Amino acid sequence: MAHNNYYLDLCVETYVVNNGAVLLRLHEKYNLWTGPGGHIDPGEDINQAAIRETWEEAGLQVTLIGPRHWTKRDTSTNQDLVPPLFMNRHRINDIHEHSACIFAAVSESREIAPQTEEDQGIETRWVTKEDLEVMRVEDSRLREEIYTYAVTALELAT
């Protein structure tokens, strides 16, 4: 999806865990490891966007995981959303930035089947905590914050 706003767009990114491994996706524009993610569409809340982007980019149906000690408490007037584990703001170019809500999720499957043509052929990898430790040292495409997000998702899913 194209940018919604000139200066700042709200985005989501999701770190999906299955059986002790977390999914990383090599971002096609920036050549960096990330989780599936993208812009929040008009009318979507952040949970809907995280689930949709994961489906579109990886073909995975996921359940979002909230932070430790968080409990969903819907009422007759309020639907609780799963809160993000992290939030960040990062520069895309000289005039545009993204503010991202970072989520953890679990999936019953590891079968990657992107739902959009633009996501076909993107490199993905299921990695364990041990794999992340090696990548942290040997792969400059794994930024420190991504390492933190992925390890946190693994810890929450176990």
Protein backbone atom coordinates (compact mmCIF):
# COMPACT_ATOMS: atom_id res chain seq x y z
CA MET A 1 0.00 0.00 0.00
CA ALA A 2 1.21 3.50 -0.77
CA HIS A 3 1.85 5.99 1.99
CA ASN A 4 -1.32 7.44 3.52
CA ASN A 5 0.27 10.59 4.91
CA TYR A 6 2.99 12.86 3.64
CA TYR A 7 5.21 12.91 6.74
CA LEU A 8 4.26 9.97 8.95
CA ASP A 9 2.41 6.68 8.45
CA LEU A 10 1.27 4.23 11.11
CA CYS A 11 2.40 0.66 10.50
CA VAL A 12 2.46 -2.78 12.09
CA GLU A 13 5.03 -5.55 12.23
CA THR A 14 4.44 -9.05 13.59
CA TYR A 15 6.89 -11.65 14.87
CA VAL A 16 5.20 -15.02 14.35
CA VAL A 17 6.25 -18.02 16.44
CA ASN A 18 5.71 -21.69 15.69
CA ASN A 19 7.23 -24.55 17.68
CA GLY A 20 10.23 -22.64 19.05
CA ALA A 21 11.08 -20.64 15.93
CA VAL A 22 10.17 -17.13 14.82
CA LEU A 23 9.55 -16.05 11.23
CA LEU A 24 11.86 -13.47 9.68
CA ARG A 25 11.25 -11.93 6.28
CA LEU A 26 13.92 -10.18 4.20
CA HIS A 27 12.44 -6.77 3.46
CA GLU A 28 12.47 -6.34 -0.30
CA LYS A 29 13.25 -2.57 -0.31
CA TYR A 30 15.72 -2.28 2.56
CA ASN A 31 17.49 -5.68 2.53
CA LEU A 32 16.89 -6.06 6.28
CA TRP A 33 15.32 -8.87 8.28
CA THR A 34 11.92 -7.95 9.74
CA GLY A 35 8.63 -9.59 10.58
CA PRO A 36 5.69 -9.39 8.18
CA GLY A 37 4.16 -5.94 8.30
CA GLY A 38 3.02 -2.82 6.57
CA HIS A 39 0.68 0.14 6.64
CA ILE A 40 -2.54 0.25 8.61
CA ASP A 41 -5.36 0.61 6.08
CA PRO A 42 -8.08 3.22 6.58
CA GLY A 43 -10.78 1.80 8.87
CA GLU A 44 -8.52 -0.91 10.35
CA ASP A 45 -7.42 -1.11 13.94
CA ILE A 46 -3.86 -2.18 14.70
CA ASN A 47 -4.80 -5.79 15.46
CA GLN A 48 -6.67 -6.18 12.18
CA ALA A 49 -3.71 -4.70 10.30
CA ALA A 50 -1.18 -7.02 11.99
CA ILE A 51 -3.28 -10.09 11.18
CA ARG A 52 -3.97 -8.96 7.59
CA GLU A 53 -0.35 -8.08 6.80
CA THR A 54 0.83 -11.45 8.13
CA TRP A 55 -1.76 -13.22 5.99
CA GLU A 56 -0.88 -11.22 2.86
CA GLU A 57 2.90 -11.48 3.20
CA ALA A 58 3.24 -15.00 4.63
CA GLY A 59 -0.12 -16.73 4.19
CA LEU A 60 -0.23 -17.51 7.90
CA GLN A 61 -3.27 -17.31 10.13
CA VAL A 62 -2.12 -16.02 13.50
CA THR A 63 -3.28 -15.27 17.00
CA LEU A 64 -1.73 -12.15 18.51
CA ILE A 65 -0.04 -12.44 21.92
CA GLY A 66 -0.18 -9.58 24.39
CA PRO A 67 2.51 -8.59 26.86
CA ARG A 68 3.01 -10.71 29.98
CA HIS A 69 0.36 -10.07 32.62
CA TRP A 70 -2.01 -8.46 30.09
CA THR A 71 -5.53 -9.86 30.08
CA LYS A 72 -8.17 -9.10 27.50
CA ARG A 73 -11.16 -7.51 29.24
CA ASP A 74 -13.93 -6.65 26.79
CA THR A 75 -17.00 -4.90 28.19
CA SER A 76 -20.38 -4.05 26.71
CA THR A 77 -18.93 -0.69 25.59
CA ASN A 78 -15.30 -1.55 24.85
CA GLN A 79 -13.42 -4.18 22.87
CA ASP A 80 -9.87 -4.53 24.14
CA LEU A 81 -7.19 -4.70 21.48
CA VAL A 82 -4.04 -6.74 21.98
CA PRO A 83 -1.44 -4.09 22.80
CA PRO A 84 1.81 -4.00 20.88
CA LEU A 85 4.94 -5.20 22.65
CA PHE A 86 7.01 -2.35 21.27
CA MET A 87 6.50 0.83 19.28
CA ASN A 88 9.07 2.67 17.24
CA ARG A 89 9.49 5.54 14.83
CA HIS A 90 11.92 5.21 11.94
CA ARG A 91 12.93 7.28 8.94
CA ILE A 92 12.04 6.01 5.45
CA ASN A 93 13.53 8.92 3.49
CA ASP A 94 14.39 12.61 3.98
CA ILE A 95 10.76 13.65 4.56
CA HIS A 96 8.86 10.50 5.47
CA GLU A 97 8.79 8.35 8.61
CA HIS A 98 6.88 5.34 9.91
CA SER A 99 5.63 4.76 13.43
CA ALA A 100 5.31 1.01 13.92
CA CYS A 101 3.38 -1.11 16.42
CA ILE A 102 5.34 -4.33 17.01
CA PHE A 103 3.38 -7.51 17.81
CA ALA A 104 4.07 -11.13 18.67
CA ALA A 105 1.81 -13.90 17.39
CA VAL A 106 1.57 -17.67 17.16
CA SER A 107 0.71 -19.78 14.14
CA GLU A 108 -0.22 -23.45 13.88
CA SER A 109 1.66 -23.69 10.58
CA ARG A 110 5.08 -22.96 9.10
CA GLU A 111 3.89 -23.19 5.52
CA ILE A 112 4.68 -19.85 3.88
CA ALA A 113 2.21 -19.01 1.11
CA PRO A 114 2.15 -15.27 0.32
CA GLN A 115 -1.27 -14.09 -0.84
CA THR A 116 -0.15 -11.21 -3.06
CA GLU A 117 1.98 -11.31 -6.17
CA GLU A 118 4.37 -8.69 -4.80
CA ASP A 119 5.15 -10.93 -1.82
CA GLN A 120 5.92 -14.05 -3.89
CA GLY A 121 9.59 -15.00 -3.84
CA ILE A 122 10.54 -12.90 -0.79
CA GLU A 123 13.07 -14.77 1.34
CA THR A 124 11.69 -15.97 4.67
CA ARG A 125 13.31 -17.96 7.44
CA TRP A 126 12.09 -19.71 10.59
CA VAL A 127 14.83 -19.14 13.18
CA THR A 128 15.40 -20.32 16.73
CA LYS A 129 16.92 -18.24 19.52
CA GLU A 130 20.25 -19.96 18.78
CA ASP A 131 19.94 -19.00 15.09
CA LEU A 132 19.24 -15.41 16.12
CA GLU A 133 22.40 -15.39 18.26
CA VAL A 134 24.47 -16.44 15.24
CA MET A 135 22.71 -13.98 12.91
CA ARG A 136 23.25 -11.18 15.43
CA VAL A 137 27.02 -11.61 14.97
CA GLU A 138 27.27 -12.77 11.36
CA ASP A 139 24.41 -11.08 9.46
CA SER A 140 24.44 -7.27 9.32
CA ARG A 141 20.87 -7.38 7.94
CA LEU A 142 19.62 -8.30 11.44
CA ARG A 143 19.41 -5.03 13.34
CA GLU A 144 19.61 -5.04 17.13
CA GLU A 145 15.99 -3.95 17.57
CA ILE A 146 14.77 -6.78 15.32
CA TYR A 147 16.79 -9.24 17.37
CA THR A 148 15.05 -7.90 20.51
CA TYR A 149 11.58 -8.12 18.95
CA ALA A 150 12.14 -11.69 17.72
CA VAL A 151 13.59 -12.94 21.03
CA THR A 152 10.73 -11.33 22.97
CA ALA A 153 8.18 -13.05 20.72
CA LEU A 154 9.90 -16.40 21.29
CA GLU A 155 9.89 -15.87 25.05
CA LEU A 156 6.19 -14.92 25.14
CA ALA A 157 5.13 -17.89 22.99
CA THR A 158 6.68 -20.50 25.28
